[in-house]
Amino acid sequence: METKEDYLPSLITNTPFEGRQLAITLARKSVGAIQPDAEIKKKLRPIYAEDPISLIASAQVIATEFQTIAAANNYWKK
């Protein structure tokens, strides 16, 4: 069995900015898990990079990940 990097030891972050960075990482890792072939991703990038609907959909994925992280961090209330 292949050893995978644990890029998600916790959803807890110190700041909302760190939470957003984690949300972006999670979204990117999801794309990599769905389409592991780097050449295909490279080939498709010019297509979705100029498609506003695809870019909005990507932003929605990040926003959803960020909602989960924010809730896990009690919205950074102290």
N, C-alpha and C. Protein backbone atom coordinates (compact mmCIF):
# COMPACT_ATOMS: atom_id res chain seq x y z
N MET A 1 0.84 -1.18 0.00
CA MET A 1 0.00 0.00 0.00
C MET A 1 0.88 1.24 0.00
N GLU A 2 0.50 2.21 -0.78
CA GLU A 2 1.24 3.46 -0.91
C GLU A 2 1.10 4.32 0.34
N THR A 3 2.20 4.91 0.81
CA THR A 3 2.17 5.80 1.96
C THR A 3 1.78 7.19 1.49
N LYS A 4 0.79 7.77 2.16
CA LYS A 4 0.32 9.11 1.80
C LYS A 4 0.76 10.11 2.85
N GLU A 5 1.03 11.33 2.40
CA GLU A 5 1.38 12.42 3.30
C GLU A 5 0.13 12.85 4.07
N ASP A 6 0.27 13.05 5.39
CA ASP A 6 -0.85 13.55 6.21
C ASP A 6 -0.81 15.07 6.17
N TYR A 7 -1.50 15.63 5.20
CA TYR A 7 -1.53 17.09 5.06
C TYR A 7 -2.65 17.71 5.90
N LEU A 8 -3.37 16.88 6.65
CA LEU A 8 -4.50 17.38 7.43
C LEU A 8 -4.47 16.79 8.85
N PRO A 9 -3.48 17.17 9.64
CA PRO A 9 -3.44 16.65 11.00
C PRO A 9 -4.56 17.22 11.87
N SER A 10 -5.11 18.38 11.47
CA SER A 10 -6.16 19.02 12.25
C SER A 10 -6.84 20.09 11.41
N LEU A 11 -8.09 20.37 11.72
CA LEU A 11 -8.79 21.51 11.12
C LEU A 11 -8.58 22.78 11.93
N ILE A 12 -7.95 22.67 13.07
CA ILE A 12 -7.74 23.82 13.95
C ILE A 12 -6.60 24.68 13.40
N THR A 13 -6.89 25.98 13.25
CA THR A 13 -5.89 26.93 12.78
C THR A 13 -5.87 28.12 13.74
N ASN A 14 -4.80 28.88 13.71
CA ASN A 14 -4.69 30.02 14.62
C ASN A 14 -5.49 31.24 14.18
N THR A 15 -5.67 31.39 12.88
CA THR A 15 -6.33 32.58 12.36
C THR A 15 -7.26 32.21 11.20
N PRO A 16 -8.20 33.09 10.88
CA PRO A 16 -9.02 32.85 9.69
C PRO A 16 -8.18 32.76 8.41
N PHE A 17 -7.12 33.55 8.31
CA PHE A 17 -6.25 33.48 7.13
C PHE A 17 -5.66 32.07 6.98
N GLU A 18 -5.16 31.52 8.09
CA GLU A 18 -4.61 30.16 8.03
C GLU A 18 -5.72 29.18 7.68
N GLY A 19 -6.92 29.42 8.16
CA GLY A 19 -8.06 28.57 7.82
C GLY A 19 -8.36 28.61 6.33
N ARG A 20 -8.29 29.79 5.74
CA ARG A 20 -8.54 29.92 4.31
C ARG A 20 -7.44 29.23 3.51
N GLN A 21 -6.20 29.36 3.94
CA GLN A 21 -5.10 28.67 3.26
C GLN A 21 -5.31 27.16 3.32
N LEU A 22 -5.77 26.67 4.47
CA LEU A 22 -6.05 25.25 4.60
C LEU A 22 -7.20 24.85 3.68
N ALA A 23 -8.22 25.68 3.56
CA ALA A 23 -9.34 25.39 2.66
C ALA A 23 -8.85 25.26 1.22
N ILE A 24 -7.95 26.12 0.81
CA ILE A 24 -7.39 26.06 -0.54
C ILE A 24 -6.60 24.76 -0.72
N THR A 25 -5.81 24.41 0.28
CA THR A 25 -5.06 23.15 0.22
C THR A 25 -6.00 21.97 0.08
N LEU A 26 -7.07 21.95 0.87
CA LEU A 26 -8.02 20.84 0.79
C LEU A 26 -8.65 20.75 -0.59
N ALA A 27 -9.03 21.89 -1.15
CA ALA A 27 -9.63 21.89 -2.48
C ALA A 27 -8.64 21.36 -3.52
N ARG A 28 -7.40 21.81 -3.43
CA ARG A 28 -6.38 21.36 -4.39
C ARG A 28 -6.10 19.86 -4.25
N LYS A 29 -6.05 19.38 -3.01
CA LYS A 29 -5.81 17.96 -2.78
C LYS A 29 -6.97 17.12 -3.31
N SER A 30 -8.20 17.65 -3.20
CA SER A 30 -9.36 16.94 -3.72
C SER A 30 -9.27 16.79 -5.23
N VAL A 31 -8.87 17.85 -5.91
CA VAL A 31 -8.70 17.78 -7.37
C VAL A 31 -7.64 16.74 -7.71
N GLY A 32 -6.55 16.74 -6.96
CA GLY A 32 -5.48 15.76 -7.19
C GLY A 32 -5.93 14.33 -6.96
N ALA A 33 -6.82 14.13 -5.99
CA ALA A 33 -7.33 12.79 -5.73
C ALA A 33 -8.30 12.34 -6.83
N ILE A 34 -9.08 13.29 -7.33
CA ILE A 34 -10.04 12.96 -8.38
C ILE A 34 -9.34 12.74 -9.72
N GLN A 35 -8.35 13.58 -10.02
CA GLN A 35 -7.61 13.47 -11.28
C GLN A 35 -6.11 13.45 -10.97
N PRO A 36 -5.56 12.28 -10.71
CA PRO A 36 -4.15 12.20 -10.32
C PRO A 36 -3.15 12.38 -11.46
N ASP A 37 -3.60 12.34 -12.70
CA ASP A 37 -2.70 12.45 -13.85
C ASP A 37 -2.33 13.91 -14.09
N ALA A 38 -1.07 14.26 -13.80
CA ALA A 38 -0.61 15.65 -13.92
C ALA A 38 -0.68 16.16 -15.35
N GLU A 39 -0.44 15.30 -16.32
CA GLU A 39 -0.49 15.73 -17.72
C GLU A 39 -1.91 16.10 -18.13
N ILE A 40 -2.88 15.36 -17.68
CA ILE A 40 -4.27 15.69 -18.00
C ILE A 40 -4.67 17.00 -17.33
N LYS A 41 -4.28 17.18 -16.06
CA LYS A 41 -4.58 18.45 -15.38
C LYS A 41 -3.94 19.62 -16.12
N LYS A 42 -2.71 19.44 -16.57
CA LYS A 42 -2.00 20.50 -17.30
C LYS A 42 -2.71 20.80 -18.62
N LYS A 43 -3.19 19.77 -19.28
CA LYS A 43 -3.89 19.93 -20.55
C LYS A 43 -5.22 20.67 -20.36
N LEU A 44 -5.92 20.39 -19.28
CA LEU A 44 -7.24 20.97 -19.04
C LEU A 44 -7.19 22.38 -18.47
N ARG A 45 -6.10 22.73 -17.82
CA ARG A 45 -6.01 24.03 -17.15
C ARG A 45 -6.34 25.22 -18.05
N PRO A 46 -5.82 25.31 -19.28
CA PRO A 46 -6.17 26.46 -20.12
C PRO A 46 -7.67 26.56 -20.40
N ILE A 47 -8.35 25.42 -20.41
CA ILE A 47 -9.79 25.43 -20.69
C ILE A 47 -10.54 26.04 -19.52
N TYR A 48 -10.32 25.52 -18.30
CA TYR A 48 -11.09 26.04 -17.17
C TYR A 48 -10.56 27.37 -16.65
N ALA A 49 -9.32 27.70 -16.94
CA ALA A 49 -8.75 28.96 -16.45
C ALA A 49 -9.42 30.18 -17.04
N GLU A 50 -10.04 30.01 -18.19
CA GLU A 50 -10.71 31.14 -18.85
C GLU A 50 -12.23 31.01 -18.84
N ASP A 51 -12.73 30.04 -18.09
CA ASP A 51 -14.17 29.82 -18.01
C ASP A 51 -14.69 30.35 -16.68
N PRO A 52 -15.45 31.46 -16.70
CA PRO A 52 -15.90 32.06 -15.44
C PRO A 52 -16.76 31.12 -14.60
N ILE A 53 -17.53 30.27 -15.22
CA ILE A 53 -18.38 29.34 -14.46
C ILE A 53 -17.51 28.33 -13.72
N SER A 54 -16.46 27.84 -14.38
CA SER A 54 -15.54 26.91 -13.71
C SER A 54 -14.81 27.59 -12.56
N LEU A 55 -14.40 28.83 -12.75
CA LEU A 55 -13.69 29.56 -11.69
C LEU A 55 -14.61 29.81 -10.50
N ILE A 56 -15.87 30.17 -10.77
CA ILE A 56 -16.84 30.37 -9.68
C ILE A 56 -17.07 29.05 -8.94
N ALA A 57 -17.18 27.96 -9.67
CA ALA A 57 -17.38 26.65 -9.03
C ALA A 57 -16.19 26.30 -8.14
N SER A 58 -14.99 26.62 -8.59
CA SER A 58 -13.79 26.38 -7.76
C SER A 58 -13.83 27.20 -6.48
N ALA A 59 -14.24 28.46 -6.62
CA ALA A 59 -14.35 29.33 -5.44
C ALA A 59 -15.40 28.79 -4.47
N GLN A 60 -16.47 28.22 -4.99
CA GLN A 60 -17.50 27.65 -4.12
C GLN A 60 -16.98 26.45 -3.34
N VAL A 61 -16.15 25.64 -3.96
CA VAL A 61 -15.55 24.50 -3.27
C VAL A 61 -14.68 25.00 -2.12
N ILE A 62 -13.87 26.02 -2.38
CA ILE A 62 -13.02 26.58 -1.33
C ILE A 62 -13.87 27.17 -0.21
N ALA A 63 -14.96 27.86 -0.58
CA ALA A 63 -15.84 28.45 0.43
C ALA A 63 -16.47 27.38 1.31
N THR A 64 -16.85 26.27 0.72
CA THR A 64 -17.43 25.18 1.50
C THR A 64 -16.41 24.59 2.46
N GLU A 65 -15.19 24.38 1.98
CA GLU A 65 -14.12 23.88 2.86
C GLU A 65 -13.88 24.88 4.00
N PHE A 66 -13.87 26.18 3.67
CA PHE A 66 -13.64 27.21 4.69
C PHE A 66 -14.75 27.21 5.73
N GLN A 67 -15.99 27.00 5.33
CA GLN A 67 -17.11 26.93 6.29
C GLN A 67 -16.86 25.82 7.31
N THR A 68 -16.42 24.68 6.83
CA THR A 68 -16.15 23.55 7.73
C THR A 68 -15.03 23.89 8.71
N ILE A 69 -13.96 24.50 8.19
CA ILE A 69 -12.82 24.86 9.04
C ILE A 69 -13.22 25.94 10.04
N ALA A 70 -13.98 26.94 9.61
CA ALA A 70 -14.42 28.00 10.51
C ALA A 70 -15.27 27.43 11.64
N ALA A 71 -16.16 26.52 11.32
CA ALA A 71 -16.99 25.90 12.36
C ALA A 71 -16.13 25.09 13.34
N ALA A 72 -15.14 24.38 12.83
CA ALA A 72 -14.25 23.59 13.69
C ALA A 72 -13.45 24.49 14.62
N ASN A 73 -13.22 25.71 14.20
CA ASN A 73 -12.47 26.68 15.01
C ASN A 73 -13.37 27.60 15.82
N ASN A 74 -14.64 27.23 15.93
CA ASN A 74 -15.62 28.05 16.65
C ASN A 74 -15.57 29.50 16.14
N TYR A 75 -15.36 29.63 14.82
CA TYR A 75 -15.30 30.93 14.15
C TYR A 75 -14.27 31.84 14.78
N TRP A 76 -13.23 31.26 15.35
CA TRP A 76 -12.09 31.97 15.95
C TRP A 76 -12.50 32.91 17.09
N LYS A 77 -13.59 32.51 17.77
CA LYS A 77 -14.00 33.28 18.96
C LYS A 77 -13.05 32.97 20.09
N LYS A 78 -12.69 33.97 20.85
CA LYS A 78 -11.80 33.73 21.99
C LYS A 78 -12.39 34.26 23.24
